[in-house]
């Protein structure tokens, strides 16, 4: 069996814009051409967020490009996709999402060892401008220390 390539699609903007409180790994309900497109690395999580409808968790804003070899059976690139979690996790997330200032966002998407697409989601709180500046200062200081250590 050929070795699978590692697919990790990250939402880099999320760590700058949000403070993560809790993380979960969820499965995604996908169409056939969607998983083929993900295996080619053609997905984008930049504007992805999650919401509840009928006690089920759905993800909006994730863009999966149409599969190049898909014919009339191709999928809609920006459709809502259902996330698969246990009932206990769903209940906990639903309570947390109702708190003021908290939202559920997608951090990264990957393929597990069995080839299934998984999404790492987080309950997050938006950062203030001064928090973002503080992160930039810390990152610059760390970079400077690493540079001095290498000498």
C-alpha atoms as a PDB file:
ATOM      1  CA  UNK A   1       0.000   0.000   0.000  1.00  0.00           C
ATOM      2  CA  UNK A   2       1.500   3.404  -0.912  1.00  0.00           C
ATOM      3  CA  UNK A   3       2.359   5.802   1.865  1.00  0.00           C
ATOM      4  CA  UNK A   4      -0.260   8.518   2.307  1.00  0.00           C
ATOM      5  CA  UNK A   5       0.734  12.117   1.914  1.00  0.00           C
ATOM      6  CA  UNK A   6       0.199  14.361   4.925  1.00  0.00           C
ATOM      7  CA  UNK A   7      -2.543  16.943   4.437  1.00  0.00           C
ATOM      8  CA  UNK A   8      -2.662  19.746   6.996  1.00  0.00           C
ATOM      9  CA  UNK A   9      -4.727  22.766   6.046  1.00  0.00           C
ATOM     10  CA  UNK A  10      -4.396  25.463   8.727  1.00  0.00           C
ATOM     11  CA  UNK A  11      -6.272  28.617   9.592  1.00  0.00           C
ATOM     12  CA  UNK A  12      -3.259  30.794  10.421  1.00  0.00           C
ATOM     13  CA  UNK A  13      -5.332  33.920  10.971  1.00  0.00           C
ATOM     14  CA  UNK A  14      -7.334  32.268  13.771  1.00  0.00           C
ATOM     15  CA  UNK A  15      -4.492  32.142  16.311  1.00  0.00           C
ATOM     16  CA  UNK A  16      -3.847  35.848  15.783  1.00  0.00           C
ATOM     17  CA  UNK A  17      -7.510  36.906  15.992  1.00  0.00           C
ATOM     18  CA  UNK A  18      -8.730  34.542  18.744  1.00  0.00           C
ATOM     19  CA  UNK A  19      -7.717  33.078  22.089  1.00  0.00           C
ATOM     20  CA  UNK A  20      -8.478  29.331  22.154  1.00  0.00           C
ATOM     21  CA  UNK A  21     -10.197  28.054  25.292  1.00  0.00           C
ATOM     22  CA  UNK A  22     -10.981  24.421  24.386  1.00  0.00           C
ATOM     23  CA  UNK A  23     -10.136  22.293  21.348  1.00  0.00           C
ATOM     24  CA  UNK A  24     -12.022  19.362  19.822  1.00  0.00           C
ATOM     25  CA  UNK A  25     -11.464  17.071  16.839  1.00  0.00           C
ATOM     26  CA  UNK A  26     -14.558  16.449  14.717  1.00  0.00           C
ATOM     27  CA  UNK A  27     -15.314  14.414  11.629  1.00  0.00           C
ATOM     28  CA  UNK A  28     -16.880  16.065   8.579  1.00  0.00           C
ATOM     29  CA  UNK A  29     -19.708  14.777   6.431  1.00  0.00           C
ATOM     30  CA  UNK A  30     -18.346  15.150   2.867  1.00  0.00           C
ATOM     31  CA  UNK A  31     -19.328  14.307  -0.692  1.00  0.00           C
ATOM     32  CA  UNK A  32     -17.079  12.128  -2.861  1.00  0.00           C
ATOM     33  CA  UNK A  33     -15.609  14.951  -4.913  1.00  0.00           C
ATOM     34  CA  UNK A  34     -14.947  16.987  -1.761  1.00  0.00           C
ATOM     35  CA  UNK A  35     -12.596  14.424  -0.221  1.00  0.00           C
ATOM     36  CA  UNK A  36     -10.753  14.108  -3.540  1.00  0.00           C
ATOM     37  CA  UNK A  37     -10.267  17.861  -3.622  1.00  0.00           C
ATOM     38  CA  UNK A  38      -9.050  17.883   0.002  1.00  0.00           C
ATOM     39  CA  UNK A  39      -6.496  15.176  -0.830  1.00  0.00           C
ATOM     40  CA  UNK A  40      -5.150  17.562  -3.475  1.00  0.00           C
ATOM     41  CA  UNK A  41      -4.864  20.233  -0.753  1.00  0.00           C
ATOM     42  CA  UNK A  42      -7.471  22.547  -2.272  1.00  0.00           C
ATOM     43  CA  UNK A  43      -9.373  23.706   0.793  1.00  0.00           C
ATOM     44  CA  UNK A  44      -9.466  26.974   2.732  1.00  0.00           C
ATOM     45  CA  UNK A  45     -10.466  27.510   6.374  1.00  0.00           C
ATOM     46  CA  UNK A  46      -9.894  31.276   6.697  1.00  0.00           C
ATOM     47  CA  UNK A  47     -13.530  32.309   7.264  1.00  0.00           C
ATOM     48  CA  UNK A  48     -14.796  29.024   8.719  1.00  0.00           C
ATOM     49  CA  UNK A  49     -17.001  29.118  11.809  1.00  0.00           C
ATOM     50  CA  UNK A  50     -19.460  26.714  13.402  1.00  0.00           C
ATOM     51  CA  UNK A  51     -23.072  27.101  14.497  1.00  0.00           C
ATOM     52  CA  UNK A  52     -25.875  24.935  15.848  1.00  0.00           C
ATOM     53  CA  UNK A  53     -29.030  24.051  13.920  1.00  0.00           C
ATOM     54  CA  UNK A  54     -31.496  21.500  15.358  1.00  0.00           C
ATOM     55  CA  UNK A  55     -28.961  20.421  18.015  1.00  0.00           C
ATOM     56  CA  UNK A  56     -26.411  19.539  15.281  1.00  0.00           C
ATOM     57  CA  UNK A  57     -23.127  21.335  14.649  1.00  0.00           C
ATOM     58  CA  UNK A  58     -22.606  22.791  11.160  1.00  0.00           C
ATOM     59  CA  UNK A  59     -19.622  24.571   9.635  1.00  0.00           C
ATOM     60  CA  UNK A  60     -20.031  27.582   7.345  1.00  0.00           C
ATOM     61  CA  UNK A  61     -17.378  29.440   5.378  1.00  0.00           C
ATOM     62  CA  UNK A  62     -15.031  26.562   4.593  1.00  0.00           C
ATOM     63  CA  UNK A  63     -14.199  26.589   0.895  1.00  0.00           C
ATOM     64  CA  UNK A  64     -13.341  23.323  -0.844  1.00  0.00           C
ATOM     65  CA  UNK A  65     -12.502  23.868  -4.513  1.00  0.00           C
ATOM     66  CA  UNK A  66     -14.376  21.858  -7.114  1.00  0.00           C
ATOM     67  CA  UNK A  67     -12.653  18.638  -8.121  1.00  0.00           C
ATOM     68  CA  UNK A  68     -10.999  19.080 -11.526  1.00  0.00           C
ATOM     69  CA  UNK A  69     -12.171  15.675 -12.818  1.00  0.00           C
ATOM     70  CA  UNK A  70     -15.665  15.948 -11.339  1.00  0.00           C
ATOM     71  CA  UNK A  71     -18.354  16.196 -13.986  1.00  0.00           C
ATOM     72  CA  UNK A  72     -21.951  17.226 -13.377  1.00  0.00           C
ATOM     73  CA  UNK A  73     -21.723  15.482  -9.979  1.00  0.00           C
ATOM     74  CA  UNK A  74     -19.360  18.124  -8.562  1.00  0.00           C
ATOM     75  CA  UNK A  75     -20.116  19.733  -5.197  1.00  0.00           C
ATOM     76  CA  UNK A  76     -20.917  23.335  -4.236  1.00  0.00           C
ATOM     77  CA  UNK A  77     -17.590  24.802  -2.954  1.00  0.00           C
ATOM     78  CA  UNK A  78     -19.114  26.944  -0.191  1.00  0.00           C
ATOM     79  CA  UNK A  79     -21.888  24.732   1.152  1.00  0.00           C
ATOM     80  CA  UNK A  80     -22.534  24.135   4.838  1.00  0.00           C
ATOM     81  CA  UNK A  81     -21.033  20.907   6.142  1.00  0.00           C
ATOM     82  CA  UNK A  82     -22.179  18.866   9.125  1.00  0.00           C
ATOM     83  CA  UNK A  83     -19.605  18.117  11.832  1.00  0.00           C
ATOM     84  CA  UNK A  84     -19.646  14.765  13.600  1.00  0.00           C
ATOM     85  CA  UNK A  85     -19.126  14.733  17.383  1.00  0.00           C
ATOM     86  CA  UNK A  86     -20.518  12.730  20.282  1.00  0.00           C
ATOM     87  CA  UNK A  87     -23.745  13.928  21.912  1.00  0.00           C
ATOM     88  CA  UNK A  88     -21.875  14.791  25.134  1.00  0.00           C
ATOM     89  CA  UNK A  89     -19.399  17.001  23.221  1.00  0.00           C
ATOM     90  CA  UNK A  90     -22.237  18.626  21.274  1.00  0.00           C
ATOM     91  CA  UNK A  91     -24.132  19.477  24.462  1.00  0.00           C
ATOM     92  CA  UNK A  92     -21.006  20.967  26.035  1.00  0.00           C
ATOM     93  CA  UNK A  93     -20.221  23.007  22.911  1.00  0.00           C
ATOM     94  CA  UNK A  94     -23.800  24.263  22.647  1.00  0.00           C
ATOM     95  CA  UNK A  95     -23.713  25.562  26.233  1.00  0.00           C
ATOM     96  CA  UNK A  96     -20.344  27.245  25.653  1.00  0.00           C
ATOM     97  CA  UNK A  97     -21.394  28.835  22.354  1.00  0.00           C
ATOM     98  CA  UNK A  98     -24.314  30.576  24.063  1.00  0.00           C
ATOM     99  CA  UNK A  99     -21.949  32.459  26.409  1.00  0.00           C
ATOM    100  CA  UNK A 100     -21.369  36.052  25.419  1.00  0.00           C
ATOM    101  CA  UNK A 101     -18.194  36.662  23.413  1.00  0.00           C
ATOM    102  CA  UNK A 102     -17.491  32.996  22.631  1.00  0.00           C
ATOM    103  CA  UNK A 103     -17.586  31.422  19.201  1.00  0.00           C
ATOM    104  CA  UNK A 104     -16.590  28.117  17.619  1.00  0.00           C
ATOM    105  CA  UNK A 105     -14.010  28.321  14.828  1.00  0.00           C
ATOM    106  CA  UNK A 106     -12.064  25.852  12.690  1.00  0.00           C
ATOM    107  CA  UNK A 107      -8.313  25.758  13.368  1.00  0.00           C
ATOM    108  CA  UNK A 108      -7.052  23.069  11.016  1.00  0.00           C
ATOM    109  CA  UNK A 109      -8.113  20.207   8.780  1.00  0.00           C
ATOM    110  CA  UNK A 110      -6.173  16.983   8.349  1.00  0.00           C
ATOM    111  CA  UNK A 111      -6.495  13.396   7.201  1.00  0.00           C
ATOM    112  CA  UNK A 112      -6.130  10.807   9.941  1.00  0.00           C
ATOM    113  CA  UNK A 113      -4.282   7.499   9.548  1.00  0.00           C
ATOM    114  CA  UNK A 114      -7.401   5.834   8.117  1.00  0.00           C
ATOM    115  CA  UNK A 115      -7.785   8.526   5.453  1.00  0.00           C
ATOM    116  CA  UNK A 116     -10.790  10.283   7.000  1.00  0.00           C
ATOM    117  CA  UNK A 117     -10.959  14.077   6.938  1.00  0.00           C
ATOM    118  CA  UNK A 118     -11.029  15.616  10.422  1.00  0.00           C
ATOM    119  CA  UNK A 119     -11.344  19.228  11.552  1.00  0.00           C
ATOM    120  CA  UNK A 120      -9.882  20.628  14.739  1.00  0.00           C
ATOM    121  CA  UNK A 121     -12.298  23.199  16.132  1.00  0.00           C
ATOM    122  CA  UNK A 122     -11.950  25.472  19.144  1.00  0.00           C
ATOM    123  CA  UNK A 123     -14.163  27.432  21.452  1.00  0.00           C
ATOM    124  CA  UNK A 124     -12.585  30.863  21.128  1.00  0.00           C
ATOM    125  CA  UNK A 125     -12.795  34.396  22.434  1.00  0.00           C
ATOM    126  CA  UNK A 126     -11.847  37.306  20.214  1.00  0.00           C
ATOM    127  CA  UNK A 127      -8.673  39.169  21.151  1.00  0.00           C
ATOM    128  CA  UNK A 128      -8.558  42.900  21.746  1.00  0.00           C
ATOM    129  CA  UNK A 129      -6.099  45.080  19.838  1.00  0.00           C
ATOM    130  CA  UNK A 130      -3.732  45.356  22.814  1.00  0.00           C
ATOM    131  CA  UNK A 131      -3.650  41.545  23.117  1.00  0.00           C
ATOM    132  CA  UNK A 132      -2.584  41.309  19.474  1.00  0.00           C
ATOM    133  CA  UNK A 133       0.163  43.892  19.995  1.00  0.00           C
ATOM    134  CA  UNK A 134       1.374  41.982  23.051  1.00  0.00           C
ATOM    135  CA  UNK A 135       1.600  38.770  20.983  1.00  0.00           C
ATOM    136  CA  UNK A 136       3.620  40.571  18.316  1.00  0.00           C
ATOM    137  CA  UNK A 137       6.035  41.901  20.966  1.00  0.00           C
ATOM    138  CA  UNK A 138       6.468  38.444  22.502  1.00  0.00           C
ATOM    139  CA  UNK A 139       7.080  36.852  19.104  1.00  0.00           C
ATOM    140  CA  UNK A 140       9.680  39.493  18.195  1.00  0.00           C
ATOM    141  CA  UNK A 141      11.444  39.088  21.549  1.00  0.00           C
ATOM    142  CA  UNK A 142      11.522  35.295  21.150  1.00  0.00           C
ATOM    143  CA  UNK A 143      12.904  35.629  17.628  1.00  0.00           C
ATOM    144  CA  UNK A 144      15.633  37.987  18.869  1.00  0.00           C
ATOM    145  CA  UNK A 145      16.596  35.593  21.701  1.00  0.00           C
ATOM    146  CA  UNK A 146      16.806  32.671  19.268  1.00  0.00           C
ATOM    147  CA  UNK A 147      18.990  34.745  16.981  1.00  0.00           C
ATOM    148  CA  UNK A 148      21.361  35.601  19.866  1.00  0.00           C
ATOM    149  CA  UNK A 149      21.547  31.947  21.011  1.00  0.00           C
ATOM    150  CA  UNK A 150      22.649  30.773  17.565  1.00  0.00           C
ATOM    151  CA  UNK A 151      25.729  33.023  17.637  1.00  0.00           C
END
